[in-house]
Every structure is written in C-alpha cells, then in structure tokens.
Amino acid sequence: MTVPAHVELESGQAASTAETLSPAVEVHDLVRTFGPKAALAGVDLVVRPGQVHALLGRNGAGKTTLLRTLVGLVDATSGMVRLQGVAAPTLPRASRARLIQLVPSGDRTFYLRLSGRENLLFFARLQGMRKAAAREQVARCIESVGLTEAARRAVSTYSHGMQKRLSVARALLTEPAVLLVDEATHDLDPAAAEQVRSLIRSVTGRGAAVIWATQRLDEIRGFADEVTLLKQGRVRFHGTVEQLQHAAVSRRLIMRMQARSIPSMPVDQALSATGDVVQLDVMDDHQILTFDLHPDVVLSAAVVALHVAGWDVLACRLERSELESAFLELTEEAG
C-alpha cells in the first residue's frame, strides 16, 4: 500500500500510520565511488509516507551524495534504490521527476531577473505541464509557501528565507511522493527556519515522505520522526531522535555554585569521590565549575558532597545537549 502525496493524514496520525505503510524510499547496500574514494559505502535506508527522516553527518559524510543519487543526478555504483516499490533505475526520467524532487542547499538555482512566478512557470513547463495547467499549479504552490504577494517581484529582491520557500514551491510543482531537502535552514534566521520546517511538515501531512539533511541538531527534536547518521559514507546510527539522545554517554556538567559561608573543603576535594574537576572559574559572588561525573555516580551524590562541604549548587546543566554529545561521539574521527 502506498499513499500519494496529496492524501491528507490527520494531525498526530502520520507517525503511527507510517508504520503500516509500504516504504516510499528503500535503499539497500548503496555504494557510490568517485575514483578510489567511496562516498557511500553500503548505505541502508527506509522512509515511509508521512515521515520526516533526518539525515545527519559531518561535512563529507555522504549526505548530499545520497540525496543526489536518490533523485537521479548521480548514478549508484552498486546497490538498490526503490521508490514506491519500483526500482529507481527502471523509471523513465520524467516519471522519476514527478515522483521525487530535491530542494537544494544553495539559492543560486533561480533566474534572479525573473519574478518568482516566472521562474516557477519556466520549471513547470520543463516538467511537461501545459500552459494552463502550469499557471494553475504555480499559483497553488506559491500560495502554499506564502509568497503570493511577492510572486511578481524579481527573485533578486527576495530574502534568503523567501528564496528557500520558493525552492520548496518549485519542488512541489509535481506533487512528489518523496521530497529531499538539503541543508534548508543552514543560513536562515530562526523565524525563517521555522517557516521552512512548518512548510515541510505540511507536506508530510499530505502523505509525502521527506528526507531532511541537516547539521542543525537543535531542529530535529520535535520535527523528525526518524534519524540516520552517516560517517564516512556508512550508517553509524539509525533510530528515533529519543534513541539518538540516549546514545550519548557524555557526563560533563557545568555547575553554578555559591559558598554558604566558609566552605569546609575546596571544591575538587569535595568532589574527588564523584568525579573530576576540569575547570573552576570565579564570577562575582559565585563560581562556575566544569565537572566530569564518574560513570557509576548519580548527580545527586555530587550535589550532596558539595552541600556537605559548604557549597550550594544554584544551577546545573550538561555542557552539551544530549543530541550534540551523541553526534560528536558517533562521528568522531577515531574508530
């Protein structure tokens, strides 16, 4: 069973429904080499309709190569790619273009002297649409991304955020079942980035599958349904965002402390049984402690040890978010 991109999924239903649907994208043992270098080295991936699947990895991990291979801009060296159950290499180019579209990372893919509407009309005609149908579809897509008032302005006058929304509109011209998004928010301010994410979520609400390549770890929480992390062309992690958070083993903390009167012992001595002091800075009337908690010690034990020694813990947080810690640990160069 497959779900075309225009089928509406109820709010909150997409993730659970996706589990029962046939995959929109299936990748098995995908390899792409450039000379002696393997940009992709046996990648497996499954994305179902109505899902946002985040694709993470450092620069050069293979994210963009994977997206370009899926959309047909790069040929696989070996392996299997299926789109809605059909082997991708057997699809005619026009059929593949209607089925899967890419929102590229850069803005330099439009004719800047033409208006947003004229650009989309040009690309719609390239997709084989007749003039009347193209005009109607362009109007719908422009409205869906909130650019109706700016549609007749030259793209050169658009902000980065507006150009990114125009890129989304172009990708939606064919109402694709699969949408690939490459670093869509890397140069956008938080408000513009949220607009783009909301647009993408509305696409999955209509049943499309989305692969979202990003290095902005903060944006996948509450946005992505599943995550695949690449390292040097190989899958290093696959699972949910919550599972990725739990993959972190970093226990480096930052505490803000204040002495109640005259402490009975120094901080490093008080904490010697619970962890290692990395750095201690004095700021006004309190101190900032960077501290590695021992693996077999709970945080409350360190707090109690400080309290007994005459130190009150005013605030405490992880030095890095769990997602950031997991990303760094899973993609570290060694191993």
C-alpha atoms as a PDB file:
ATOM      1  CA  MET A   1       0.000   0.000   0.000  1.00  0.00           C
ATOM      2  CA  THR A   2       1.320   3.429  -0.925  1.00  0.00           C
ATOM      3  CA  VAL A   3      -0.011   6.880  -0.186  1.00  0.00           C
ATOM      4  CA  PRO A   4       0.186   9.571  -2.879  1.00  0.00           C
ATOM      5  CA  ALA A   5       1.462  12.959  -1.804  1.00  0.00           C
ATOM      6  CA  HIS A   6      -1.958  14.611  -1.899  1.00  0.00           C
ATOM      7  CA  VAL A   7      -3.650  12.239   0.569  1.00  0.00           C
ATOM      8  CA  GLU A   8      -4.242  14.039   3.866  1.00  0.00           C
ATOM      9  CA  LEU A   9      -3.102  12.430   7.125  1.00  0.00           C
ATOM     10  CA  GLU A  10      -4.753  13.593  10.331  1.00  0.00           C
ATOM     11  CA  SER A  11      -2.630  15.619  12.738  1.00  0.00           C
ATOM     12  CA  GLY A  12      -0.702  13.325  15.079  1.00  0.00           C
ATOM     13  CA  GLN A  13      -1.610  10.307  12.966  1.00  0.00           C
ATOM     14  CA  ALA A  14       1.271  10.413  10.478  1.00  0.00           C
ATOM     15  CA  ALA A  15       3.918   8.667  12.557  1.00  0.00           C
ATOM     16  CA  SER A  16       1.706   5.763  13.671  1.00  0.00           C
ATOM     17  CA  THR A  17       0.114   5.395  10.227  1.00  0.00           C
ATOM     18  CA  ALA A  18       3.519   5.380   8.535  1.00  0.00           C
ATOM     19  CA  GLU A  19       4.466   2.179  10.348  1.00  0.00           C
ATOM     20  CA  THR A  20       1.756   0.262   8.444  1.00  0.00           C
ATOM     21  CA  LEU A  21       2.516   1.704   5.005  1.00  0.00           C
ATOM     22  CA  SER A  22       4.829   0.383   2.331  1.00  0.00           C
ATOM     23  CA  PRO A  23       8.073   2.358   2.104  1.00  0.00           C
ATOM     24  CA  ALA A  24       8.211   5.401  -0.125  1.00  0.00           C
ATOM     25  CA  VAL A  25      12.007   5.025  -0.278  1.00  0.00           C
ATOM     26  CA  GLU A  26      14.038   1.840   0.128  1.00  0.00           C
ATOM     27  CA  VAL A  27      17.809   1.862  -0.073  1.00  0.00           C
ATOM     28  CA  HIS A  28      19.861  -1.301   0.356  1.00  0.00           C
ATOM     29  CA  ASP A  29      23.650  -1.652   0.352  1.00  0.00           C
ATOM     30  CA  LEU A  30      24.043   1.531  -1.719  1.00  0.00           C
ATOM     31  CA  VAL A  31      27.568   2.264  -2.895  1.00  0.00           C
ATOM     32  CA  ARG A  32      28.843   5.275  -4.808  1.00  0.00           C
ATOM     33  CA  THR A  33      32.531   5.675  -5.510  1.00  0.00           C
ATOM     34  CA  PHE A  34      34.469   8.552  -7.022  1.00  0.00           C
ATOM     35  CA  GLY A  35      37.732   7.018  -8.151  1.00  0.00           C
ATOM     36  CA  PRO A  36      39.250   5.244  -5.140  1.00  0.00           C
ATOM     37  CA  LYS A  37      37.027   7.094  -2.644  1.00  0.00           C
ATOM     38  CA  ALA A  38      33.715   5.615  -1.503  1.00  0.00           C
ATOM     39  CA  ALA A  39      31.296   8.485  -0.839  1.00  0.00           C
ATOM     40  CA  LEU A  40      28.640   5.909   0.064  1.00  0.00           C
ATOM     41  CA  ALA A  41      29.750   2.530   1.373  1.00  0.00           C
ATOM     42  CA  GLY A  42      26.786   0.196   1.843  1.00  0.00           C
ATOM     43  CA  VAL A  43      24.017   2.539   2.993  1.00  0.00           C
ATOM     44  CA  ASP A  44      20.632   1.116   4.048  1.00  0.00           C
ATOM     45  CA  LEU A  45      17.632   3.405   4.479  1.00  0.00           C
ATOM     46  CA  VAL A  46      13.839   3.075   4.681  1.00  0.00           C
ATOM     47  CA  VAL A  47      11.477   6.064   4.684  1.00  0.00           C
ATOM     48  CA  ARG A  48       7.702   5.706   4.808  1.00  0.00           C
ATOM     49  CA  PRO A  49       4.939   8.063   3.659  1.00  0.00           C
ATOM     50  CA  GLY A  50       4.165  10.878   6.077  1.00  0.00           C
ATOM     51  CA  GLN A  51       7.578  10.759   7.759  1.00  0.00           C
ATOM     52  CA  VAL A  52      10.329  13.309   8.153  1.00  0.00           C
ATOM     53  CA  HIS A  53      13.551  11.319   8.156  1.00  0.00           C
ATOM     54  CA  ALA A  54      16.534  13.390   9.273  1.00  0.00           C
ATOM     55  CA  LEU A  55      19.884  12.682   7.641  1.00  0.00           C
ATOM     56  CA  LEU A  56      22.823  13.752   9.819  1.00  0.00           C
ATOM     57  CA  GLY A  57      26.576  13.718   9.405  1.00  0.00           C
ATOM     58  CA  ARG A  58      29.644  15.917   9.263  1.00  0.00           C
ATOM     59  CA  ASN A  59      30.770  17.624   6.071  1.00  0.00           C
ATOM     60  CA  GLY A  60      31.808  14.937   3.611  1.00  0.00           C
ATOM     61  CA  ALA A  61      29.819  12.184   5.350  1.00  0.00           C
ATOM     62  CA  GLY A  62      27.839  11.443   2.165  1.00  0.00           C
ATOM     63  CA  LYS A  63      24.531  13.207   2.836  1.00  0.00           C
ATOM     64  CA  THR A  64      24.394  15.238  -0.376  1.00  0.00           C
ATOM     65  CA  THR A  65      25.707  12.329  -2.466  1.00  0.00           C
ATOM     66  CA  LEU A  66      22.907  10.147  -1.103  1.00  0.00           C
ATOM     67  CA  LEU A  67      20.252  12.742  -1.956  1.00  0.00           C
ATOM     68  CA  ARG A  68      21.675  13.285  -5.444  1.00  0.00           C
ATOM     69  CA  THR A  69      21.733   9.526  -6.026  1.00  0.00           C
ATOM     70  CA  LEU A  70      18.116   9.144  -4.922  1.00  0.00           C
ATOM     71  CA  VAL A  71      16.912  11.926  -7.201  1.00  0.00           C
ATOM     72  CA  GLY A  72      18.899  10.575 -10.158  1.00  0.00           C
ATOM     73  CA  LEU A  73      21.567  13.266 -10.518  1.00  0.00           C
ATOM     74  CA  VAL A  74      24.263  10.728  -9.610  1.00  0.00           C
ATOM     75  CA  ASP A  75      24.306   7.049 -10.611  1.00  0.00           C
ATOM     76  CA  ALA A  76      24.909   4.445  -7.925  1.00  0.00           C
ATOM     77  CA  THR A  77      27.978   2.254  -8.318  1.00  0.00           C
ATOM     78  CA  SER A  78      26.039  -0.657  -6.830  1.00  0.00           C
ATOM     79  CA  GLY A  79      23.132  -1.362  -4.530  1.00  0.00           C
ATOM     80  CA  MET A  80      19.368  -0.937  -4.712  1.00  0.00           C
ATOM     81  CA  VAL A  81      17.107   2.105  -4.680  1.00  0.00           C
ATOM     82  CA  ARG A  82      13.333   1.659  -4.812  1.00  0.00           C
ATOM     83  CA  LEU A  83      10.814   4.494  -4.990  1.00  0.00           C
ATOM     84  CA  GLN A  84       7.297   3.451  -4.007  1.00  0.00           C
ATOM     85  CA  GLY A  85       8.294  -0.148  -4.637  1.00  0.00           C
ATOM     86  CA  VAL A  86       9.747   0.421  -8.114  1.00  0.00           C
ATOM     87  CA  ALA A  87      13.453   0.045  -8.894  1.00  0.00           C
ATOM     88  CA  ALA A  88      14.592   3.626  -9.484  1.00  0.00           C
ATOM     89  CA  PRO A  89      16.866   2.875 -12.500  1.00  0.00           C
ATOM     90  CA  THR A  90      13.888   1.438 -14.401  1.00  0.00           C
ATOM     91  CA  LEU A  91      11.845   4.621 -14.047  1.00  0.00           C
ATOM     92  CA  PRO A  92      11.818   6.961 -17.060  1.00  0.00           C
ATOM     93  CA  ARG A  93      13.401  10.304 -16.179  1.00  0.00           C
ATOM     94  CA  ALA A  94      10.069  12.154 -16.422  1.00  0.00           C
ATOM     95  CA  SER A  95       8.338   9.643 -14.164  1.00  0.00           C
ATOM     96  CA  ARG A  96      11.133   9.824 -11.620  1.00  0.00           C
ATOM     97  CA  ALA A  97      10.992  13.629 -11.635  1.00  0.00           C
ATOM     98  CA  ARG A  98       7.256  13.530 -10.881  1.00  0.00           C
ATOM     99  CA  LEU A  99       7.827  11.058  -8.066  1.00  0.00           C
ATOM    100  CA  ILE A 100      10.811  12.609  -6.254  1.00  0.00           C
ATOM    101  CA  GLN A 101      12.099  16.182  -6.015  1.00  0.00           C
ATOM    102  CA  LEU A 102      15.084  17.899  -4.390  1.00  0.00           C
ATOM    103  CA  VAL A 103      15.247  21.213  -2.557  1.00  0.00           C
ATOM    104  CA  PRO A 104      18.973  22.048  -2.962  1.00  0.00           C
ATOM    105  CA  SER A 105      21.077  23.743  -0.320  1.00  0.00           C
ATOM    106  CA  GLY A 106      22.050  26.812  -2.375  1.00  0.00           C
ATOM    107  CA  ASP A 107      19.969  29.736  -3.616  1.00  0.00           C
ATOM    108  CA  ARG A 108      21.695  30.044  -6.994  1.00  0.00           C
ATOM    109  CA  THR A 109      19.205  27.878  -8.863  1.00  0.00           C
ATOM    110  CA  PHE A 110      16.778  30.594  -9.986  1.00  0.00           C
ATOM    111  CA  TYR A 111      16.893  33.275 -12.665  1.00  0.00           C
ATOM    112  CA  LEU A 112      17.284  36.338 -10.471  1.00  0.00           C
ATOM    113  CA  ARG A 113      15.932  38.848 -13.002  1.00  0.00           C
ATOM    114  CA  LEU A 114      12.706  36.895 -13.415  1.00  0.00           C
ATOM    115  CA  SER A 115       9.893  37.028 -10.904  1.00  0.00           C
ATOM    116  CA  GLY A 116       9.130  34.126  -8.590  1.00  0.00           C
ATOM    117  CA  ARG A 117       6.077  33.305 -10.672  1.00  0.00           C
ATOM    118  CA  GLU A 118       8.010  33.405 -13.955  1.00  0.00           C
ATOM    119  CA  ASN A 119      10.663  31.105 -12.522  1.00  0.00           C
ATOM    120  CA  LEU A 120       8.103  28.555 -11.422  1.00  0.00           C
ATOM    121  CA  LEU A 121       6.271  28.735 -14.754  1.00  0.00           C
ATOM    122  CA  PHE A 122       9.557  28.014 -16.512  1.00  0.00           C
ATOM    123  CA  PHE A 123      10.273  24.969 -14.332  1.00  0.00           C
ATOM    124  CA  ALA A 124       6.683  23.737 -14.601  1.00  0.00           C
ATOM    125  CA  ARG A 125       6.937  23.809 -18.399  1.00  0.00           C
ATOM    126  CA  LEU A 126      10.239  21.901 -18.157  1.00  0.00           C
ATOM    127  CA  GLN A 127       8.285  19.209 -16.313  1.00  0.00           C
ATOM    128  CA  GLY A 128       5.983  18.924 -19.314  1.00  0.00           C
ATOM    129  CA  MET A 129       2.963  20.807 -17.974  1.00  0.00           C
ATOM    130  CA  ARG A 130       0.702  22.589 -20.440  1.00  0.00           C
ATOM    131  CA  LYS A 131       0.440  26.363 -20.085  1.00  0.00           C
ATOM    132  CA  ALA A 132      -2.958  26.488 -18.421  1.00  0.00           C
ATOM    133  CA  ALA A 133      -2.170  23.650 -16.011  1.00  0.00           C
ATOM    134  CA  ALA A 134       1.214  25.209 -15.238  1.00  0.00           C
ATOM    135  CA  ARG A 135      -0.338  28.569 -14.368  1.00  0.00           C
ATOM    136  CA  GLU A 136      -2.848  26.944 -12.027  1.00  0.00           C
ATOM    137  CA  GLN A 137      -0.243  24.761 -10.313  1.00  0.00           C
ATOM    138  CA  VAL A 138       2.212  27.631  -9.929  1.00  0.00           C
ATOM    139  CA  ALA A 139      -0.474  29.749  -8.272  1.00  0.00           C
ATOM    140  CA  ARG A 140      -1.292  26.922  -5.847  1.00  0.00           C
ATOM    141  CA  CYS A 141       2.335  26.286  -4.962  1.00  0.00           C
ATOM    142  CA  ILE A 142       3.133  29.965  -4.486  1.00  0.00           C
ATOM    143  CA  GLU A 143       0.144  30.331  -2.185  1.00  0.00           C
ATOM    144  CA  SER A 144       1.126  27.207  -0.216  1.00  0.00           C
ATOM    145  CA  VAL A 145       4.504  28.739   0.685  1.00  0.00           C
ATOM    146  CA  GLY A 146       3.122  32.187   1.466  1.00  0.00           C
ATOM    147  CA  LEU A 147       4.655  34.086  -1.449  1.00  0.00           C
ATOM    148  CA  THR A 148       1.540  35.265  -3.278  1.00  0.00           C
ATOM    149  CA  GLU A 149       2.194  38.964  -2.600  1.00  0.00           C
ATOM    150  CA  ALA A 150       5.818  38.649  -3.747  1.00  0.00           C
ATOM    151  CA  ALA A 151       5.097  36.399  -6.742  1.00  0.00           C
ATOM    152  CA  ARG A 152       5.588  39.119  -9.375  1.00  0.00           C
ATOM    153  CA  ARG A 153       8.738  40.563  -7.827  1.00  0.00           C
ATOM    154  CA  ALA A 154      12.174  39.719  -9.195  1.00  0.00           C
ATOM    155  CA  VAL A 155      13.803  36.896  -7.259  1.00  0.00           C
ATOM    156  CA  SER A 156      16.842  39.164  -6.793  1.00  0.00           C
ATOM    157  CA  THR A 157      14.746  41.128  -4.280  1.00  0.00           C
ATOM    158  CA  TYR A 158      13.888  38.027  -2.211  1.00  0.00           C
ATOM    159  CA  SER A 159      15.497  37.328   1.151  1.00  0.00           C
ATOM    160  CA  HIS A 160      17.266  34.006   1.724  1.00  0.00           C
ATOM    161  CA  GLY A 161      14.188  32.733   3.524  1.00  0.00           C
ATOM    162  CA  MET A 162      11.901  33.706   0.651  1.00  0.00           C
ATOM    163  CA  GLN A 163      14.196  32.052  -1.876  1.00  0.00           C
ATOM    164  CA  LYS A 164      14.200  28.887   0.200  1.00  0.00           C
ATOM    165  CA  ARG A 165      10.403  28.897   0.282  1.00  0.00           C
ATOM    166  CA  LEU A 166      10.409  29.402  -3.481  1.00  0.00           C
ATOM    167  CA  SER A 167      12.669  26.336  -3.747  1.00  0.00           C
ATOM    168  CA  VAL A 168      10.104  24.351  -1.788  1.00  0.00           C
ATOM    169  CA  ALA A 169       7.347  25.631  -4.085  1.00  0.00           C
ATOM    170  CA  ARG A 170       9.325  24.530  -7.149  1.00  0.00           C
ATOM    171  CA  ALA A 171       9.793  21.061  -5.680  1.00  0.00           C
ATOM    172  CA  LEU A 172       6.059  20.803  -5.039  1.00  0.00           C
ATOM    173  CA  LEU A 173       5.086  21.550  -8.648  1.00  0.00           C
ATOM    174  CA  THR A 174       4.882  17.844  -9.480  1.00  0.00           C
ATOM    175  CA  GLU A 175       3.226  16.945  -6.146  1.00  0.00           C
ATOM    176  CA  PRO A 176       6.006  14.444  -5.445  1.00  0.00           C
ATOM    177  CA  ALA A 177       5.595  11.462  -3.153  1.00  0.00           C
ATOM    178  CA  VAL A 178       9.164  11.976  -1.929  1.00  0.00           C
ATOM    179  CA  LEU A 179      10.803  15.298  -1.093  1.00  0.00           C
ATOM    180  CA  LEU A 180      14.543  15.590  -0.460  1.00  0.00           C
ATOM    181  CA  VAL A 181      15.686  18.686   1.431  1.00  0.00           C
ATOM    182  CA  ASP A 182      19.398  19.514   1.625  1.00  0.00           C
ATOM    183  CA  GLU A 183      20.570  21.896   4.373  1.00  0.00           C
ATOM    184  CA  ALA A 184      17.430  24.004   4.023  1.00  0.00           C
ATOM    185  CA  THR A 185      17.966  26.165   7.101  1.00  0.00           C
ATOM    186  CA  HIS A 186      21.744  26.464   7.442  1.00  0.00           C
ATOM    187  CA  ASP A 187      21.832  30.190   6.599  1.00  0.00           C
ATOM    188  CA  LEU A 188      18.383  31.241   7.816  1.00  0.00           C
ATOM    189  CA  ASP A 189      17.432  33.135  10.947  1.00  0.00           C
ATOM    190  CA  PRO A 190      15.315  31.196  13.491  1.00  0.00           C
ATOM    191  CA  ALA A 191      11.994  32.644  12.278  1.00  0.00           C
ATOM    192  CA  ALA A 192      12.689  31.870   8.606  1.00  0.00           C
ATOM    193  CA  ALA A 193      13.963  28.399   9.512  1.00  0.00           C
ATOM    194  CA  GLU A 194      10.759  27.676  11.417  1.00  0.00           C
ATOM    195  CA  GLN A 195       8.700  28.769   8.392  1.00  0.00           C
ATOM    196  CA  VAL A 196      10.534  26.274   6.194  1.00  0.00           C
ATOM    197  CA  ARG A 197      10.133  23.443   8.716  1.00  0.00           C
ATOM    198  CA  SER A 198       6.410  24.194   9.000  1.00  0.00           C
ATOM    199  CA  LEU A 199       6.112  24.011   5.219  1.00  0.00           C
ATOM    200  CA  ILE A 200       7.834  20.646   5.177  1.00  0.00           C
ATOM    201  CA  ARG A 201       5.631  19.320   7.959  1.00  0.00           C
ATOM    202  CA  SER A 202       2.553  20.331   5.945  1.00  0.00           C
ATOM    203  CA  VAL A 203       3.915  18.271   3.055  1.00  0.00           C
ATOM    204  CA  THR A 204       4.201  15.160   5.219  1.00  0.00           C
ATOM    205  CA  GLY A 205       0.662  15.856   6.437  1.00  0.00           C
ATOM    206  CA  ARG A 206      -0.459  15.210   2.858  1.00  0.00           C
ATOM    207  CA  GLY A 207       1.332  11.848   2.865  1.00  0.00           C
ATOM    208  CA  ALA A 208       4.691  12.688   1.289  1.00  0.00           C
ATOM    209  CA  ALA A 209       7.922  11.231   2.619  1.00  0.00           C
ATOM    210  CA  VAL A 210      10.678  13.726   3.427  1.00  0.00           C
ATOM    211  CA  ILE A 211      14.412  13.173   3.818  1.00  0.00           C
ATOM    212  CA  TRP A 212      15.838  16.212   5.611  1.00  0.00           C
ATOM    213  CA  ALA A 213      19.636  16.548   5.511  1.00  0.00           C
ATOM    214  CA  THR A 214      20.963  18.895   8.175  1.00  0.00           C
ATOM    215  CA  GLN A 215      23.742  19.672  10.616  1.00  0.00           C
ATOM    216  CA  ARG A 216      21.480  21.720  12.878  1.00  0.00           C
ATOM    217  CA  LEU A 217      20.851  19.199  15.618  1.00  0.00           C
ATOM    218  CA  ASP A 218      18.576  21.545  17.549  1.00  0.00           C
ATOM    219  CA  GLU A 219      15.939  21.477  14.820  1.00  0.00           C
ATOM    220  CA  ILE A 220      15.315  17.713  14.614  1.00  0.00           C
ATOM    221  CA  ARG A 221      13.839  17.423  18.113  1.00  0.00           C
ATOM    222  CA  GLY A 222      10.066  17.507  17.736  1.00  0.00           C
ATOM    223  CA  PHE A 223      10.418  17.636  13.952  1.00  0.00           C
ATOM    224  CA  ALA A 224      11.986  14.415  12.660  1.00  0.00           C
ATOM    225  CA  ASP A 225      10.303  11.032  13.086  1.00  0.00           C
ATOM    226  CA  GLU A 226      13.474   9.026  12.480  1.00  0.00           C
ATOM    227  CA  VAL A 227      17.179   9.742  12.115  1.00  0.00           C
ATOM    228  CA  THR A 228      20.016   8.223  10.103  1.00  0.00           C
ATOM    229  CA  LEU A 229      23.534   9.398  10.901  1.00  0.00           C
ATOM    230  CA  LEU A 230      26.287   8.906   8.330  1.00  0.00           C
ATOM    231  CA  LYS A 231      30.013   8.739   8.958  1.00  0.00           C
ATOM    232  CA  GLN A 232      32.393   8.423   6.013  1.00  0.00           C
ATOM    233  CA  GLY A 233      29.632   7.048   3.797  1.00  0.00           C
ATOM    234  CA  ARG A 234      28.391   4.436   6.272  1.00  0.00           C
ATOM    235  CA  VAL A 235      25.353   4.355   8.538  1.00  0.00           C
ATOM    236  CA  ARG A 236      26.607   4.950  12.072  1.00  0.00           C
ATOM    237  CA  PHE A 237      23.186   5.234  13.710  1.00  0.00           C
ATOM    238  CA  HIS A 238      19.545   4.714  12.818  1.00  0.00           C
ATOM    239  CA  GLY A 239      16.584   5.208  15.117  1.00  0.00           C
ATOM    240  CA  THR A 240      14.369   7.859  16.665  1.00  0.00           C
ATOM    241  CA  VAL A 241      15.529  11.228  17.994  1.00  0.00           C
ATOM    242  CA  GLU A 242      14.988   9.958  21.529  1.00  0.00           C
ATOM    243  CA  GLN A 243      17.159   6.915  20.840  1.00  0.00           C
ATOM    244  CA  LEU A 244      19.885   9.178  19.457  1.00  0.00           C
ATOM    245  CA  GLN A 245      19.772  11.252  22.644  1.00  0.00           C
ATOM    246  CA  HIS A 246      20.214   8.091  24.696  1.00  0.00           C
ATOM    247  CA  ALA A 247      23.277   7.160  22.636  1.00  0.00           C
ATOM    248  CA  ALA A 248      25.186   9.952  24.382  1.00  0.00           C
ATOM    249  CA  VAL A 249      27.473   8.884  27.199  1.00  0.00           C
ATOM    250  CA  SER A 250      28.986  12.292  27.951  1.00  0.00           C
ATOM    251  CA  ARG A 251      28.665  13.245  31.612  1.00  0.00           C
ATOM    252  CA  ARG A 252      30.397  16.625  31.570  1.00  0.00           C
ATOM    253  CA  LEU A 253      28.411  19.133  33.604  1.00  0.00           C
ATOM    254  CA  ILE A 254      28.547  22.849  34.253  1.00  0.00           C
ATOM    255  CA  MET A 255      27.504  23.942  37.731  1.00  0.00           C
ATOM    256  CA  ARG A 256      26.992  27.412  39.163  1.00  0.00           C
ATOM    257  CA  MET A 257      27.802  27.381  42.896  1.00  0.00           C
ATOM    258  CA  GLN A 258      27.965  29.688  45.874  1.00  0.00           C
ATOM    259  CA  ALA A 259      29.623  29.219  49.233  1.00  0.00           C
ATOM    260  CA  ARG A 260      27.235  29.399  52.202  1.00  0.00           C
ATOM    261  CA  SER A 261      29.932  30.846  54.481  1.00  0.00           C
ATOM    262  CA  ILE A 262      33.453  29.465  54.672  1.00  0.00           C
ATOM    263  CA  PRO A 263      33.459  26.011  52.971  1.00  0.00           C
ATOM    264  CA  SER A 264      34.991  23.177  54.972  1.00  0.00           C
ATOM    265  CA  MET A 265      36.977  21.990  51.955  1.00  0.00           C
ATOM    266  CA  PRO A 266      37.824  23.033  48.378  1.00  0.00           C
ATOM    267  CA  VAL A 267      35.568  22.006  45.508  1.00  0.00           C
ATOM    268  CA  ASP A 268      37.985  19.488  43.968  1.00  0.00           C
ATOM    269  CA  GLN A 269      38.468  17.768  47.317  1.00  0.00           C
ATOM    270  CA  ALA A 270      34.713  17.665  47.964  1.00  0.00           C
ATOM    271  CA  LEU A 271      34.094  16.073  44.566  1.00  0.00           C
ATOM    272  CA  SER A 272      37.060  13.706  44.496  1.00  0.00           C
ATOM    273  CA  ALA A 273      34.897  10.617  45.074  1.00  0.00           C
ATOM    274  CA  THR A 274      32.265  11.542  42.461  1.00  0.00           C
ATOM    275  CA  GLY A 275      34.159  12.992  39.519  1.00  0.00           C
ATOM    276  CA  ASP A 276      36.965  15.092  38.107  1.00  0.00           C
ATOM    277  CA  VAL A 277      37.110  18.877  38.153  1.00  0.00           C
ATOM    278  CA  VAL A 278      38.007  20.167  34.674  1.00  0.00           C
ATOM    279  CA  GLN A 279      37.862  23.903  35.319  1.00  0.00           C
ATOM    280  CA  LEU A 280      36.764  26.269  38.085  1.00  0.00           C
ATOM    281  CA  ASP A 281      36.136  29.965  37.391  1.00  0.00           C
ATOM    282  CA  VAL A 282      35.217  32.702  39.857  1.00  0.00           C
ATOM    283  CA  MET A 283      32.484  35.100  38.698  1.00  0.00           C
ATOM    284  CA  ASP A 284      31.301  37.834  41.098  1.00  0.00           C
ATOM    285  CA  ASP A 285      29.933  36.101  44.195  1.00  0.00           C
ATOM    286  CA  HIS A 286      29.655  32.606  42.711  1.00  0.00           C
ATOM    287  CA  GLN A 287      31.803  30.027  40.957  1.00  0.00           C
ATOM    288  CA  ILE A 288      31.385  28.180  37.662  1.00  0.00           C
ATOM    289  CA  LEU A 289      32.503  24.564  37.741  1.00  0.00           C
ATOM    290  CA  THR A 290      33.095  22.300  34.745  1.00  0.00           C
ATOM    291  CA  PHE A 291      32.974  18.767  36.040  1.00  0.00           C
ATOM    292  CA  ASP A 292      33.157  15.186  34.665  1.00  0.00           C
ATOM    293  CA  LEU A 293      30.830  12.940  36.652  1.00  0.00           C
ATOM    294  CA  HIS A 294      32.137   9.402  37.081  1.00  0.00           C
ATOM    295  CA  PRO A 295      30.130   6.782  35.085  1.00  0.00           C
ATOM    296  CA  ASP A 296      28.882   4.933  38.161  1.00  0.00           C
ATOM    297  CA  VAL A 297      27.884   8.051  40.124  1.00  0.00           C
ATOM    298  CA  VAL A 298      24.495   9.785  40.124  1.00  0.00           C
ATOM    299  CA  LEU A 299      24.362  13.585  40.003  1.00  0.00           C
ATOM    300  CA  SER A 300      22.665  13.866  43.394  1.00  0.00           C
ATOM    301  CA  ALA A 301      25.732  12.329  45.048  1.00  0.00           C
ATOM    302  CA  ALA A 302      27.926  15.148  43.727  1.00  0.00           C
ATOM    303  CA  VAL A 303      25.397  17.782  44.806  1.00  0.00           C
ATOM    304  CA  VAL A 304      25.196  16.306  48.313  1.00  0.00           C
ATOM    305  CA  ALA A 305      29.013  16.166  48.561  1.00  0.00           C
ATOM    306  CA  LEU A 306      29.224  19.848  47.672  1.00  0.00           C
ATOM    307  CA  HIS A 307      26.457  20.754  50.126  1.00  0.00           C
ATOM    308  CA  VAL A 308      28.171  18.918  52.996  1.00  0.00           C
ATOM    309  CA  ALA A 309      31.386  20.809  52.189  1.00  0.00           C
ATOM    310  CA  GLY A 310      29.574  24.148  52.357  1.00  0.00           C
ATOM    311  CA  TRP A 311      28.740  24.758  48.679  1.00  0.00           C
ATOM    312  CA  ASP A 312      25.235  25.371  47.329  1.00  0.00           C
ATOM    313  CA  VAL A 313      24.548  24.364  43.720  1.00  0.00           C
ATOM    314  CA  LEU A 314      22.487  27.169  42.168  1.00  0.00           C
ATOM    315  CA  ALA A 315      22.204  25.696  38.655  1.00  0.00           C
ATOM    316  CA  CYS A 316      23.414  22.669  36.750  1.00  0.00           C
ATOM    317  CA  ARG A 317      23.335  21.634  33.088  1.00  0.00           C
ATOM    318  CA  LEU A 318      25.091  19.378  30.621  1.00  0.00           C
ATOM    319  CA  GLU A 319      27.970  21.122  28.863  1.00  0.00           C
ATOM    320  CA  ARG A 320      26.455  19.989  25.554  1.00  0.00           C
ATOM    321  CA  SER A 321      22.975  18.804  24.704  1.00  0.00           C
ATOM    322  CA  GLU A 322      22.499  15.044  24.572  1.00  0.00           C
ATOM    323  CA  LEU A 323      21.967  15.271  20.813  1.00  0.00           C
ATOM    324  CA  GLU A 324      25.195  17.195  20.309  1.00  0.00           C
ATOM    325  CA  SER A 325      27.104  14.797  22.527  1.00  0.00           C
ATOM    326  CA  ALA A 326      25.724  11.781  20.660  1.00  0.00           C
ATOM    327  CA  PHE A 327      26.547  13.346  17.291  1.00  0.00           C
ATOM    328  CA  LEU A 328      30.130  14.099  18.299  1.00  0.00           C
ATOM    329  CA  GLU A 329      30.687  10.689  19.855  1.00  0.00           C
ATOM    330  CA  LEU A 330      29.228   8.799  16.870  1.00  0.00           C
ATOM    331  CA  THR A 331      31.114  10.817  14.261  1.00  0.00           C
ATOM    332  CA  GLU A 332      34.471  11.230  15.996  1.00  0.00           C
ATOM    333  CA  GLU A 333      37.367  10.628  13.642  1.00  0.00           C
ATOM    334  CA  ALA A 334      38.889   7.771  15.589  1.00  0.00           C
ATOM    335  CA  GLY A 335      37.151   4.411  15.487  1.00  0.00           C
END
